[in-house]
C-alpha atoms as a PDB file:
ATOM      1  CA  UNK A   1    -203.827  -8.250 -60.811  1.00  0.00           C
ATOM      2  CA  UNK A   2    -204.930  -9.151 -57.286  1.00  0.00           C
ATOM      3  CA  UNK A   3    -203.315 -11.871 -55.214  1.00  0.00           C
ATOM      4  CA  UNK A   4    -204.969 -13.220 -52.077  1.00  0.00           C
ATOM      5  CA  UNK A   5    -202.647 -14.113 -49.191  1.00  0.00           C
ATOM      6  CA  UNK A   6    -203.164 -14.895 -45.525  1.00  0.00           C
ATOM      7  CA  UNK A   7    -203.061 -11.993 -43.037  1.00  0.00           C
ATOM      8  CA  UNK A   8    -199.669 -12.949 -41.565  1.00  0.00           C
ATOM      9  CA  UNK A   9    -198.120 -13.308 -45.023  1.00  0.00           C
ATOM     10  CA  UNK A  10    -199.709  -9.999 -46.065  1.00  0.00           C
ATOM     11  CA  UNK A  11    -198.097  -8.160 -43.142  1.00  0.00           C
ATOM     12  CA  UNK A  12    -194.721  -9.736 -43.939  1.00  0.00           C
ATOM     13  CA  UNK A  13    -194.980  -8.754 -47.611  1.00  0.00           C
ATOM     14  CA  UNK A  14    -195.945  -5.165 -46.775  1.00  0.00           C
ATOM     15  CA  UNK A  15    -192.908  -4.997 -44.480  1.00  0.00           C
ATOM     16  CA  UNK A  16    -190.697  -6.266 -47.315  1.00  0.00           C
ATOM     17  CA  UNK A  17    -192.083  -3.610 -49.675  1.00  0.00           C
ATOM     18  CA  UNK A  18    -191.270  -0.960 -47.060  1.00  0.00           C
ATOM     19  CA  UNK A  19    -187.765  -2.333 -46.452  1.00  0.00           C
ATOM     20  CA  UNK A  20    -187.062  -2.391 -50.182  1.00  0.00           C
ATOM     21  CA  UNK A  21    -188.293   1.178 -50.635  1.00  0.00           C
ATOM     22  CA  UNK A  22    -191.037   0.123 -53.051  1.00  0.00           C
ATOM     23  CA  UNK A  23    -193.715   2.794 -53.386  1.00  0.00           C
ATOM     24  CA  UNK A  24    -197.034   1.344 -52.249  1.00  0.00           C
ATOM     25  CA  UNK A  25    -200.415   2.290 -50.796  1.00  0.00           C
ATOM     26  CA  UNK A  26    -202.292   0.417 -48.070  1.00  0.00           C
ATOM     27  CA  UNK A  27    -206.109   0.610 -48.117  1.00  0.00           C
ATOM     28  CA  UNK A  28    -208.590  -0.628 -45.510  1.00  0.00           C
ATOM     29  CA  UNK A  29    -205.848  -2.486 -43.647  1.00  0.00           C
ATOM     30  CA  UNK A  30    -206.148  -5.526 -45.937  1.00  0.00           C
ATOM     31  CA  UNK A  31    -205.106  -4.300 -49.389  1.00  0.00           C
ATOM     32  CA  UNK A  32    -201.767  -3.011 -50.594  1.00  0.00           C
ATOM     33  CA  UNK A  33    -201.188  -1.708 -54.108  1.00  0.00           C
ATOM     34  CA  UNK A  34    -197.850  -1.336 -55.861  1.00  0.00           C
ATOM     35  CA  UNK A  35    -196.379  -1.415 -59.379  1.00  0.00           C
ATOM     36  CA  UNK A  36    -194.452  -4.293 -60.900  1.00  0.00           C
ATOM     37  CA  UNK A  37    -191.211  -3.404 -62.706  1.00  0.00           C
ATOM     38  CA  UNK A  38    -193.146  -3.387 -66.013  1.00  0.00           C
ATOM     39  CA  UNK A  39    -195.686  -0.909 -64.572  1.00  0.00           C
ATOM     40  CA  UNK A  40    -198.546  -3.371 -64.012  1.00  0.00           C
ATOM     41  CA  UNK A  41    -200.577  -2.550 -60.894  1.00  0.00           C
ATOM     42  CA  UNK A  42    -200.622  -5.356 -58.332  1.00  0.00           C
ATOM     43  CA  UNK A  43    -202.819  -5.750 -55.279  1.00  0.00           C
ATOM     44  CA  UNK A  44    -202.086  -8.044 -52.366  1.00  0.00           C
ATOM     45  CA  UNK A  45    -205.248  -8.635 -50.360  1.00  0.00           C
ATOM     46  CA  UNK A  46    -205.393 -10.317 -46.959  1.00  0.00           C
ATOM     47  CA  UNK A  47    -208.954 -11.582 -47.412  1.00  0.00           C
ATOM     48  CA  UNK A  48    -209.620 -15.254 -48.167  1.00  0.00           C
ATOM     49  CA  UNK A  49    -210.025 -16.103 -51.834  1.00  0.00           C
ATOM     50  CA  UNK A  50    -213.577 -15.241 -52.907  1.00  0.00           C
ATOM     51  CA  UNK A  51    -214.070 -12.610 -50.204  1.00  0.00           C
ATOM     52  CA  UNK A  52    -213.579  -8.862 -50.266  1.00  0.00           C
ATOM     53  CA  UNK A  53    -213.579  -6.817 -47.073  1.00  0.00           C
ATOM     54  CA  UNK A  54    -215.266  -9.686 -45.231  1.00  0.00           C
ATOM     55  CA  UNK A  55    -218.051 -10.253 -47.766  1.00  0.00           C
ATOM     56  CA  UNK A  56    -218.426 -13.216 -50.116  1.00  0.00           C
ATOM     57  CA  UNK A  57    -218.007 -12.089 -53.746  1.00  0.00           C
ATOM     58  CA  UNK A  58    -217.692 -15.448 -55.527  1.00  0.00           C
END
């Protein structure tokens, strides 16, 4: 599952993951991946909805 959030919110959420000790991986400075408690992989992306790495995808 991928969730699009604004850049400021993204930075705040990454900081919260770090503070909570949640294992995560940051890629390209705009995506962070982590696992939900049930094991589902979640991505938070700081690109606007419909864009990926600055390119329109929808």
